[in-house]
Every structure is written in structure tokens, then in C-alpha cells.
Amino acid sequence: MTRQTMSQVLLRDLVTPADLTPTLGETTRPDVLLEHLIEERTTVGLQLQRIEGLMACLAGDLEEYAGGRMSKDVLISEMSRTVHVMAMEMFYDETHALAAE
């Protein structure tokens, strides 16, 4: 089964009429799509803010190392952990996470 994002499904339904219930008929589809895109934009903005914060943590760790207050091994460990968290932020799949609950 091919995975699709909510945006892909909404765009597909907007372009190709689907057998939807009357509450989600053609007249409401553009509003639903717009609402979803606004929500998605907000979510992406929040993710970028969190990644920016993690980048600041990396910069702080590098300053600690450059100042001799952190060992090379600890720096590598912290950087590895931070990059792992960044990857989780970037590749978080809400649909997959909700299905796992």
C-alpha cells in the first residue's frame, strides 16, 4: 500500500471528485484544504523552530569543546544525540504515529 500524506489525499479529492459524505461535499473541499494547509504550515513552522533550537544547542556544545570545558568524546556523544533528535523532528510522520497508538 502506498503511503500518502493528508495533503496528497485532500488535493486528490479536490481535483478528482470522490464518494464523500454530504458533510464533506465539493462545496466544502476548498475550505477543508485551506484549513489543512494552514495547519500544516503552522506545524512545519514549529518543527523549524525546534530544529533551530537544537542547532543552538550544537553551537553551545562546540563552544564548550573549544573552551576546553567538554571532552571530544562527550562532544561526539552530544552531537550524535542532537542530530538524532533533529532527524526525528524532520521525519516525524503524524499519520504513522497516530496509527501506532
PDB file of N, CA and C in Angstrom:
ATOM      1  N   MET A   1       0.837  -1.172   0.000  1.00  0.00           N
ATOM      2  CA  MET A   1       0.000   0.000   0.000  1.00  0.00           C
ATOM      3  C   MET A   1       0.890   1.246   0.000  1.00  0.00           C
ATOM      4  N   THR A   2       0.612   2.186  -0.871  1.00  0.00           N
ATOM      5  CA  THR A   2       1.380   3.417  -0.955  1.00  0.00           C
ATOM      6  C   THR A   2       0.939   4.377   0.135  1.00  0.00           C
ATOM      7  N   ARG A   3       1.918   4.931   0.853  1.00  0.00           N
ATOM      8  CA  ARG A   3       1.592   5.903   1.898  1.00  0.00           C
ATOM      9  C   ARG A   3       1.334   7.253   1.258  1.00  0.00           C
ATOM     10  N   GLN A   4       0.331   7.948   1.744  1.00  0.00           N
ATOM     11  CA  GLN A   4       0.003   9.278   1.252  1.00  0.00           C
ATOM     12  C   GLN A   4      -0.133  10.223   2.431  1.00  0.00           C
ATOM     13  N   THR A   5       0.275  11.454   2.211  1.00  0.00           N
ATOM     14  CA  THR A   5       0.079  12.457   3.248  1.00  0.00           C
ATOM     15  C   THR A   5      -1.351  12.960   3.164  1.00  0.00           C
ATOM     16  N   MET A   6      -1.784  13.617   4.226  1.00  0.00           N
ATOM     17  CA  MET A   6      -3.128  14.190   4.238  1.00  0.00           C
ATOM     18  C   MET A   6      -3.280  15.203   3.103  1.00  0.00           C
ATOM     19  N   SER A   7      -2.230  15.985   2.837  1.00  0.00           N
ATOM     20  CA  SER A   7      -2.293  16.973   1.756  1.00  0.00           C
ATOM     21  C   SER A   7      -2.507  16.300   0.410  1.00  0.00           C
ATOM     22  N   GLN A   8      -1.822  15.174   0.173  1.00  0.00           N
ATOM     23  CA  GLN A   8      -1.991  14.461  -1.093  1.00  0.00           C
ATOM     24  C   GLN A   8      -3.425  13.973  -1.253  1.00  0.00           C
ATOM     25  N   VAL A   9      -3.995  13.458  -0.179  1.00  0.00           N
ATOM     26  CA  VAL A   9      -5.374  12.969  -0.235  1.00  0.00           C
ATOM     27  C   VAL A   9      -6.332  14.121  -0.491  1.00  0.00           C
ATOM     28  N   LEU A  10      -6.149  15.222   0.233  1.00  0.00           N
ATOM     29  CA  LEU A  10      -7.039  16.367   0.047  1.00  0.00           C
ATOM     30  C   LEU A  10      -6.909  16.951  -1.352  1.00  0.00           C
ATOM     31  N   LEU A  11      -5.698  17.045  -1.861  1.00  0.00           N
ATOM     32  CA  LEU A  11      -5.509  17.559  -3.220  1.00  0.00           C
ATOM     33  C   LEU A  11      -6.142  16.627  -4.242  1.00  0.00           C
ATOM     34  N   ARG A  12      -5.978  15.330  -4.047  1.00  0.00           N
ATOM     35  CA  ARG A  12      -6.581  14.365  -4.965  1.00  0.00           C
ATOM     36  C   ARG A  12      -8.097  14.504  -4.962  1.00  0.00           C
ATOM     37  N   ASP A  13      -8.678  14.617  -3.773  1.00  0.00           N
ATOM     38  CA  ASP A  13     -10.131  14.737  -3.679  1.00  0.00           C
ATOM     39  C   ASP A  13     -10.629  16.068  -4.217  1.00  0.00           C
ATOM     40  N   LEU A  14      -9.794  17.083  -4.150  1.00  0.00           N
ATOM     41  CA  LEU A  14     -10.180  18.387  -4.680  1.00  0.00           C
ATOM     42  C   LEU A  14     -10.224  18.349  -6.204  1.00  0.00           C
ATOM     43  N   VAL A  15      -9.250  17.670  -6.802  1.00  0.00           N
ATOM     44  CA  VAL A  15      -9.162  17.601  -8.259  1.00  0.00           C
ATOM     45  C   VAL A  15     -10.097  16.537  -8.822  1.00  0.00           C
ATOM     46  N   THR A  16     -10.152  15.381  -8.183  1.00  0.00           N
ATOM     47  CA  THR A  16     -10.982  14.273  -8.653  1.00  0.00           C
ATOM     48  C   THR A  16     -12.103  14.047  -7.656  1.00  0.00           C
ATOM     49  N   PRO A  17     -13.346  14.297  -8.037  1.00  0.00           N
ATOM     50  CA  PRO A  17     -14.452  14.076  -7.101  1.00  0.00           C
ATOM     51  C   PRO A  17     -14.450  12.643  -6.565  1.00  0.00           C
ATOM     52  N   ALA A  18     -14.671  12.531  -5.283  1.00  0.00           N
ATOM     53  CA  ALA A  18     -14.706  11.220  -4.634  1.00  0.00           C
ATOM     54  C   ALA A  18     -16.077  11.013  -4.014  1.00  0.00           C
ATOM     55  N   ASP A  19     -16.359   9.780  -3.657  1.00  0.00           N
ATOM     56  CA  ASP A  19     -17.632   9.466  -2.997  1.00  0.00           C
ATOM     57  C   ASP A  19     -17.535   9.876  -1.534  1.00  0.00           C
ATOM     58  N   LEU A  20     -17.777  11.136  -1.287  1.00  0.00           N
ATOM     59  CA  LEU A  20     -17.692  11.646   0.075  1.00  0.00           C
ATOM     60  C   LEU A  20     -19.081  11.846   0.641  1.00  0.00           C
ATOM     61  N   THR A  21     -19.139  11.904   1.942  1.00  0.00           N
ATOM     62  CA  THR A  21     -20.427  12.156   2.587  1.00  0.00           C
ATOM     63  C   THR A  21     -20.858  13.591   2.292  1.00  0.00           C
ATOM     64  N   PRO A  22     -22.129  13.887   2.389  1.00  0.00           N
ATOM     65  CA  PRO A  22     -22.593  15.243   2.106  1.00  0.00           C
ATOM     66  C   PRO A  22     -21.922  16.314   2.962  1.00  0.00           C
ATOM     67  N   THR A  23     -21.475  15.956   4.159  1.00  0.00           N
ATOM     68  CA  THR A  23     -20.828  16.967   5.003  1.00  0.00           C
ATOM     69  C   THR A  23     -19.456  17.354   4.473  1.00  0.00           C
ATOM     70  N   LEU A  24     -18.858  16.523   3.661  1.00  0.00           N
ATOM     71  CA  LEU A  24     -17.574  16.849   3.043  1.00  0.00           C
ATOM     72  C   LEU A  24     -17.722  16.889   1.522  1.00  0.00           C
ATOM     73  N   GLY A  25     -18.778  17.514   1.061  1.00  0.00           N
ATOM     74  CA  GLY A  25     -19.030  17.582  -0.376  1.00  0.00           C
ATOM     75  C   GLY A  25     -18.123  18.554  -1.083  1.00  0.00           C
ATOM     76  N   GLU A  26     -18.326  18.692  -2.373  1.00  0.00           N
ATOM     77  CA  GLU A  26     -17.460  19.527  -3.191  1.00  0.00           C
ATOM     78  C   GLU A  26     -17.437  20.979  -2.729  1.00  0.00           C
ATOM     79  N   THR A  27     -18.539  21.471  -2.200  1.00  0.00           N
ATOM     80  CA  THR A  27     -18.568  22.877  -1.808  1.00  0.00           C
ATOM     81  C   THR A  27     -17.680  23.158  -0.603  1.00  0.00           C
ATOM     82  N   THR A  28     -17.430  22.149   0.222  1.00  0.00           N
ATOM     83  CA  THR A  28     -16.593  22.383   1.401  1.00  0.00           C
ATOM     84  C   THR A  28     -15.138  21.995   1.177  1.00  0.00           C
ATOM     85  N   ARG A  29     -14.842  21.277   0.110  1.00  0.00           N
ATOM     86  CA  ARG A  29     -13.475  20.802  -0.088  1.00  0.00           C
ATOM     87  C   ARG A  29     -12.420  21.912  -0.099  1.00  0.00           C
ATOM     88  N   PRO A  30     -12.608  23.014  -0.811  1.00  0.00           N
ATOM     89  CA  PRO A  30     -11.573  24.064  -0.777  1.00  0.00           C
ATOM     90  C   PRO A  30     -11.348  24.605   0.637  1.00  0.00           C
ATOM     91  N   ASP A  31     -12.403  24.740   1.428  1.00  0.00           N
ATOM     92  CA  ASP A  31     -12.256  25.215   2.805  1.00  0.00           C
ATOM     93  C   ASP A  31     -11.485  24.210   3.653  1.00  0.00           C
ATOM     94  N   VAL A  32     -11.794  22.928   3.465  1.00  0.00           N
ATOM     95  CA  VAL A  32     -11.096  21.883   4.221  1.00  0.00           C
ATOM     96  C   VAL A  32      -9.623  21.877   3.833  1.00  0.00           C
ATOM     97  N   LEU A  33      -9.357  21.995   2.539  1.00  0.00           N
ATOM     98  CA  LEU A  33      -7.976  22.008   2.065  1.00  0.00           C
ATOM     99  C   LEU A  33      -7.224  23.213   2.627  1.00  0.00           C
ATOM    100  N   LEU A  34      -7.831  24.381   2.568  1.00  0.00           N
ATOM    101  CA  LEU A  34      -7.192  25.587   3.079  1.00  0.00           C
ATOM    102  C   LEU A  34      -6.913  25.463   4.575  1.00  0.00           C
ATOM    103  N   GLU A  35      -7.882  24.953   5.317  1.00  0.00           N
ATOM    104  CA  GLU A  35      -7.699  24.772   6.761  1.00  0.00           C
ATOM    105  C   GLU A  35      -6.532  23.831   7.039  1.00  0.00           C
ATOM    106  N   HIS A  36      -6.473  22.734   6.279  1.00  0.00           N
ATOM    107  CA  HIS A  36      -5.392  21.769   6.479  1.00  0.00           C
ATOM    108  C   HIS A  36      -4.036  22.383   6.125  1.00  0.00           C
ATOM    109  N   LEU A  37      -3.973  23.113   5.025  1.00  0.00           N
ATOM    110  CA  LEU A  37      -2.703  23.706   4.616  1.00  0.00           C
ATOM    111  C   LEU A  37      -2.215  24.737   5.636  1.00  0.00           C
ATOM    112  N   ILE A  38      -3.131  25.492   6.227  1.00  0.00           N
ATOM    113  CA  ILE A  38      -2.758  26.445   7.277  1.00  0.00           C
ATOM    114  C   ILE A  38      -2.207  25.692   8.484  1.00  0.00           C
ATOM    115  N   GLU A  39      -2.882  24.610   8.852  1.00  0.00           N
ATOM    116  CA  GLU A  39      -2.427  23.795   9.986  1.00  0.00           C
ATOM    117  C   GLU A  39      -1.057  23.180   9.695  1.00  0.00           C
ATOM    118  N   GLU A  40      -0.883  22.696   8.463  1.00  0.00           N
ATOM    119  CA  GLU A  40       0.389  22.084   8.080  1.00  0.00           C
ATOM    120  C   GLU A  40       1.515  23.124   8.101  1.00  0.00           C
ATOM    121  N   ARG A  41       1.222  24.330   7.634  1.00  0.00           N
ATOM    122  CA  ARG A  41       2.218  25.408   7.642  1.00  0.00           C
ATOM    123  C   ARG A  41       2.631  25.736   9.077  1.00  0.00           C
ATOM    124  N   THR A  42       1.677  25.773   9.984  1.00  0.00           N
ATOM    125  CA  THR A  42       1.971  26.038  11.392  1.00  0.00           C
ATOM    126  C   THR A  42       2.845  24.934  11.969  1.00  0.00           C
ATOM    127  N   THR A  43       2.505  23.689  11.649  1.00  0.00           N
ATOM    128  CA  THR A  43       3.271  22.544  12.144  1.00  0.00           C
ATOM    129  C   THR A  43       4.706  22.597  11.643  1.00  0.00           C
ATOM    130  N   VAL A  44       4.879  22.884  10.358  1.00  0.00           N
ATOM    131  CA  VAL A  44       6.225  22.967   9.787  1.00  0.00           C
ATOM    132  C   VAL A  44       7.003  24.108  10.447  1.00  0.00           C
ATOM    133  N   GLY A  45       6.344  25.226  10.689  1.00  0.00           N
ATOM    134  CA  GLY A  45       6.997  26.344  11.363  1.00  0.00           C
ATOM    135  C   GLY A  45       7.479  25.966  12.749  1.00  0.00           C
ATOM    136  N   LEU A  46       6.653  25.221  13.484  1.00  0.00           N
ATOM    137  CA  LEU A  46       7.045  24.773  14.824  1.00  0.00           C
ATOM    138  C   LEU A  46       8.222  23.806  14.757  1.00  0.00           C
ATOM    139  N   GLN A  47       8.201  22.910  13.759  1.00  0.00           N
ATOM    140  CA  GLN A  47       9.314  21.976  13.592  1.00  0.00           C
ATOM    141  C   GLN A  47      10.606  22.737  13.309  1.00  0.00           C
ATOM    142  N   LEU A  48      10.525  23.735  12.449  1.00  0.00           N
ATOM    143  CA  LEU A  48      11.719  24.521  12.129  1.00  0.00           C
ATOM    144  C   LEU A  48      12.238  25.267  13.358  1.00  0.00           C
ATOM    145  N   GLN A  49      11.336  25.759  14.196  1.00  0.00           N
ATOM    146  CA  GLN A  49      11.764  26.433  15.427  1.00  0.00           C
ATOM    147  C   GLN A  49      12.487  25.461  16.355  1.00  0.00           C
ATOM    148  N   ARG A  50      11.963  24.238  16.461  1.00  0.00           N
ATOM    149  CA  ARG A  50      12.611  23.241  17.321  1.00  0.00           C
ATOM    150  C   ARG A  50      13.987  22.863  16.766  1.00  0.00           C
ATOM    151  N   ILE A  51      14.084  22.721  15.443  1.00  0.00           N
ATOM    152  CA  ILE A  51      15.369  22.387  14.828  1.00  0.00           C
ATOM    153  C   ILE A  51      16.361  23.531  15.034  1.00  0.00           C
ATOM    154  N   GLU A  52      15.882  24.760  14.917  1.00  0.00           N
ATOM    155  CA  GLU A  52      16.744  25.918  15.164  1.00  0.00           C
ATOM    156  C   GLU A  52      17.262  25.905  16.607  1.00  0.00           C
ATOM    157  N   GLY A  53      16.413  25.543  17.543  1.00  0.00           N
ATOM    158  CA  GLY A  53      16.834  25.425  18.939  1.00  0.00           C
ATOM    159  C   GLY A  53      17.886  24.347  19.122  1.00  0.00           C
ATOM    160  N   LEU A  54      17.711  23.235  18.423  1.00  0.00           N
ATOM    161  CA  LEU A  54      18.692  22.153  18.501  1.00  0.00           C
ATOM    162  C   LEU A  54      20.026  22.581  17.885  1.00  0.00           C
ATOM    163  N   MET A  55      19.961  23.374  16.815  1.00  0.00           N
ATOM    164  CA  MET A  55      21.193  23.902  16.213  1.00  0.00           C
ATOM    165  C   MET A  55      21.920  24.804  17.214  1.00  0.00           C
ATOM    166  N   ALA A  56      21.162  25.576  17.976  1.00  0.00           N
ATOM    167  CA  ALA A  56      21.766  26.427  19.003  1.00  0.00           C
ATOM    168  C   ALA A  56      22.450  25.567  20.070  1.00  0.00           C
ATOM    169  N   CYS A  57      21.836  24.429  20.394  1.00  0.00           N
ATOM    170  CA  CYS A  57      22.458  23.502  21.351  1.00  0.00           C
ATOM    171  C   CYS A  57      23.784  22.976  20.800  1.00  0.00           C
ATOM    172  N   LEU A  58      23.794  22.628  19.514  1.00  0.00           N
ATOM    173  CA  LEU A  58      25.036  22.163  18.890  1.00  0.00           C
ATOM    174  C   LEU A  58      26.107  23.248  18.950  1.00  0.00           C
ATOM    175  N   ALA A  59      25.716  24.481  18.657  1.00  0.00           N
ATOM    176  CA  ALA A  59      26.673  25.591  18.705  1.00  0.00           C
ATOM    177  C   ALA A  59      27.218  25.764  20.123  1.00  0.00           C
ATOM    178  N   GLY A  60      26.345  25.621  21.112  1.00  0.00           N
ATOM    179  CA  GLY A  60      26.779  25.714  22.506  1.00  0.00           C
ATOM    180  C   GLY A  60      27.760  24.612  22.868  1.00  0.00           C
ATOM    181  N   ASP A  61      27.474  23.395  22.388  1.00  0.00           N
ATOM    182  CA  ASP A  61      28.382  22.275  22.652  1.00  0.00           C
ATOM    183  C   ASP A  61      29.747  22.523  22.011  1.00  0.00           C
ATOM    184  N   LEU A  62      29.755  23.063  20.800  1.00  0.00           N
ATOM    185  CA  LEU A  62      31.024  23.357  20.130  1.00  0.00           C
ATOM    186  C   LEU A  62      31.809  24.432  20.886  1.00  0.00           C
ATOM    187  N   GLU A  63      31.110  25.414  21.424  1.00  0.00           N
ATOM    188  CA  GLU A  63      31.775  26.448  22.226  1.00  0.00           C
ATOM    189  C   GLU A  63      32.371  25.845  23.498  1.00  0.00           C
ATOM    190  N   GLU A  64      31.614  24.938  24.126  1.00  0.00           N
ATOM    191  CA  GLU A  64      32.115  24.265  25.334  1.00  0.00           C
ATOM    192  C   GLU A  64      33.385  23.475  25.009  1.00  0.00           C
ATOM    193  N   TYR A  65      33.365  22.771  23.885  1.00  0.00           N
ATOM    194  CA  TYR A  65      34.532  21.984  23.471  1.00  0.00           C
ATOM    195  C   TYR A  65      35.712  22.903  23.158  1.00  0.00           C
ATOM    196  N   ALA A  66      35.450  23.977  22.410  1.00  0.00           N
ATOM    197  CA  ALA A  66      36.521  24.914  22.046  1.00  0.00           C
ATOM    198  C   ALA A  66      37.116  25.581  23.285  1.00  0.00           C
ATOM    199  N   GLY A  67      36.307  25.780  24.293  1.00  0.00           N
ATOM    200  CA  GLY A  67      36.779  26.392  25.540  1.00  0.00           C
ATOM    201  C   GLY A  67      37.433  25.410  26.488  1.00  0.00           C
ATOM    202  N   GLY A  68      37.497  24.146  26.098  1.00  0.00           N
ATOM    203  CA  GLY A  68      38.134  23.130  26.930  1.00  0.00           C
ATOM    204  C   GLY A  68      37.266  22.628  28.067  1.00  0.00           C
ATOM    205  N   ARG A  69      35.982  22.944  28.053  1.00  0.00           N
ATOM    206  CA  ARG A  69      35.079  22.527  29.127  1.00  0.00           C
ATOM    207  C   ARG A  69      34.333  21.231  28.799  1.00  0.00           C
ATOM    208  N   MET A  70      34.595  20.682  27.604  1.00  0.00           N
ATOM    209  CA  MET A  70      33.932  19.443  27.197  1.00  0.00           C
ATOM    210  C   MET A  70      34.952  18.593  26.440  1.00  0.00           C
ATOM    211  N   SER A  71      34.968  17.305  26.750  1.00  0.00           N
ATOM    212  CA  SER A  71      35.902  16.415  26.062  1.00  0.00           C
ATOM    213  C   SER A  71      35.388  16.084  24.663  1.00  0.00           C
ATOM    214  N   LYS A  72      36.287  15.593  23.841  1.00  0.00           N
ATOM    215  CA  LYS A  72      35.934  15.223  22.468  1.00  0.00           C
ATOM    216  C   LYS A  72      34.877  14.117  22.467  1.00  0.00           C
ATOM    217  N   ASP A  73      35.032  13.139  23.351  1.00  0.00           N
ATOM    218  CA  ASP A  73      34.073  12.028  23.412  1.00  0.00           C
ATOM    219  C   ASP A  73      32.678  12.507  23.808  1.00  0.00           C
ATOM    220  N   VAL A  74      32.622  13.406  24.780  1.00  0.00           N
ATOM    221  CA  VAL A  74      31.325  13.944  25.209  1.00  0.00           C
ATOM    222  C   VAL A  74      30.717  14.776  24.086  1.00  0.00           C
ATOM    223  N   LEU A  75      31.542  15.569  23.393  1.00  0.00           N
ATOM    224  CA  LEU A  75      31.057  16.367  22.268  1.00  0.00           C
ATOM    225  C   LEU A  75      30.441  15.475  21.199  1.00  0.00           C
ATOM    226  N   ILE A  76      31.141  14.417  20.843  1.00  0.00           N
ATOM    227  CA  ILE A  76      30.635  13.496  19.815  1.00  0.00           C
ATOM    228  C   ILE A  76      29.329  12.858  20.270  1.00  0.00           C
ATOM    229  N   SER A  77      29.261  12.466  21.527  1.00  0.00           N
ATOM    230  CA  SER A  77      28.037  11.869  22.064  1.00  0.00           C
ATOM    231  C   SER A  77      26.870  12.853  22.011  1.00  0.00           C
ATOM    232  N   GLU A  78      27.114  14.081  22.459  1.00  0.00           N
ATOM    233  CA  GLU A  78      26.059  15.107  22.454  1.00  0.00           C
ATOM    234  C   GLU A  78      25.622  15.449  21.035  1.00  0.00           C
ATOM    235  N   MET A  79      26.590  15.570  20.127  1.00  0.00           N
ATOM    236  CA  MET A  79      26.256  15.882  18.735  1.00  0.00           C
ATOM    237  C   MET A  79      25.434  14.759  18.110  1.00  0.00           C
ATOM    238  N   SER A  80      25.825  13.531  18.384  1.00  0.00           N
ATOM    239  CA  SER A  80      25.095  12.383  17.847  1.00  0.00           C
ATOM    240  C   SER A  80      23.654  12.370  18.342  1.00  0.00           C
ATOM    241  N   ARG A  81      23.484  12.616  19.626  1.00  0.00           N
ATOM    242  CA  ARG A  81      22.144  12.634  20.220  1.00  0.00           C
ATOM    243  C   ARG A  81      21.301  13.772  19.629  1.00  0.00           C
ATOM    244  N   THR A  82      21.908  14.943  19.487  1.00  0.00           N
ATOM    245  CA  THR A  82      21.184  16.102  18.959  1.00  0.00           C
ATOM    246  C   THR A  82      20.790  15.891  17.504  1.00  0.00           C
ATOM    247  N   VAL A  83      21.700  15.354  16.705  1.00  0.00           N
ATOM    248  CA  VAL A  83      21.386  15.083  15.294  1.00  0.00           C
ATOM    249  C   VAL A  83      20.278  14.036  15.196  1.00  0.00           C
ATOM    250  N   HIS A  84      20.290  13.053  16.081  1.00  0.00           N
ATOM    251  CA  HIS A  84      19.229  12.037  16.087  1.00  0.00           C
ATOM    252  C   HIS A  84      17.866  12.683  16.371  1.00  0.00           C
ATOM    253  N   VAL A  85      17.823  13.584  17.340  1.00  0.00           N
ATOM    254  CA  VAL A  85      16.570  14.276  17.666  1.00  0.00           C
ATOM    255  C   VAL A  85      16.128  15.142  16.485  1.00  0.00           C
ATOM    256  N   MET A  86      17.084  15.797  15.814  1.00  0.00           N
ATOM    257  CA  MET A  86      16.746  16.596  14.624  1.00  0.00           C
ATOM    258  C   MET A  86      16.112  15.721  13.547  1.00  0.00           C
ATOM    259  N   ALA A  87      16.695  14.556  13.334  1.00  0.00           N
ATOM    260  CA  ALA A  87      16.151  13.641  12.324  1.00  0.00           C
ATOM    261  C   ALA A  87      14.735  13.224  12.693  1.00  0.00           C
ATOM    262  N   MET A  88      14.494  12.975  13.977  1.00  0.00           N
ATOM    263  CA  MET A  88      13.137  12.617  14.397  1.00  0.00           C
ATOM    264  C   MET A  88      12.179  13.768  14.119  1.00  0.00           C
ATOM    265  N   GLU A  89      12.613  14.995  14.352  1.00  0.00           N
ATOM    266  CA  GLU A  89      11.773  16.166  14.072  1.00  0.00           C
ATOM    267  C   GLU A  89      11.463  16.267  12.582  1.00  0.00           C
ATOM    268  N   MET A  90      12.471  16.047  11.753  1.00  0.00           N
ATOM    269  CA  MET A  90      12.311  16.245  10.315  1.00  0.00           C
ATOM    270  C   MET A  90      11.467  15.162   9.664  1.00  0.00           C
ATOM    271  N   PHE A  91      11.561  13.945  10.167  1.00  0.00           N
ATOM    272  CA  PHE A  91      10.893  12.831   9.509  1.00  0.00           C
ATOM    273  C   PHE A  91       9.708  12.296  10.295  1.00  0.00           C
ATOM    274  N   TYR A  92       9.204  13.080  11.222  1.00  0.00           N
ATOM    275  CA  TYR A  92       8.046  12.679  12.020  1.00  0.00           C
ATOM    276  C   TYR A  92       6.830  12.529  11.116  1.00  0.00           C
ATOM    277  N   ASP A  93       6.189  11.391  11.193  1.00  0.00           N
ATOM    278  CA  ASP A  93       5.007  11.107  10.382  1.00  0.00           C
ATOM    279  C   ASP A  93       3.816  10.988  11.327  1.00  0.00           C
ATOM    280  N   GLU A  94       3.016  12.044  11.403  1.00  0.00           N
ATOM    281  CA  GLU A  94       1.902  12.080  12.353  1.00  0.00           C
ATOM    282  C   GLU A  94       0.912  10.950  12.097  1.00  0.00           C
ATOM    283  N   THR A  95       0.624  10.670  10.836  1.00  0.00           N
ATOM    284  CA  THR A  95      -0.320   9.605  10.498  1.00  0.00           C
ATOM    285  C   THR A  95       0.185   8.270  11.024  1.00  0.00           C
ATOM    286  N   HIS A  96       1.466   8.009  10.816  1.00  0.00           N
ATOM    287  CA  HIS A  96       2.069   6.761  11.279  1.00  0.00           C
ATOM    288  C   HIS A  96       2.069   6.701  12.807  1.00  0.00           C
ATOM    289  N   ALA A  97       2.390   7.815  13.449  1.00  0.00           N
ATOM    290  CA  ALA A  97       2.427   7.857  14.915  1.00  0.00           C
ATOM    291  C   ALA A  97       1.042   7.632  15.508  1.00  0.00           C
ATOM    292  N   LEU A  98       0.025   8.238  14.912  1.00  0.00           N
ATOM    293  CA  LEU A  98      -1.337   8.064  15.418  1.00  0.00           C
ATOM    294  C   LEU A  98      -1.824   6.632  15.215  1.00  0.00           C
ATOM    295  N   ALA A  99      -1.421   6.008  14.114  1.00  0.00           N
ATOM    296  CA  ALA A  99      -1.825   4.631  13.842  1.00  0.00           C
ATOM    297  C   ALA A  99      -1.178   3.668  14.837  1.00  0.00           C
ATOM    298  N   ALA A 100      -0.017   4.025  15.350  1.00  0.00           N
ATOM    299  CA  ALA A 100       0.701   3.161  16.286  1.00  0.00           C
ATOM    300  C   ALA A 100       0.106   3.205  17.690  1.00  0.00           C
ATOM    301  N   GLU A 101      -0.700   4.221  17.982  1.00  0.00           N
ATOM    302  CA  GLU A 101      -1.268   4.353  19.332  1.00  0.00           C
ATOM    303  C   GLU A 101      -2.326   3.333  19.610  1.00  0.00           C
TER     304      GLU A 101
END
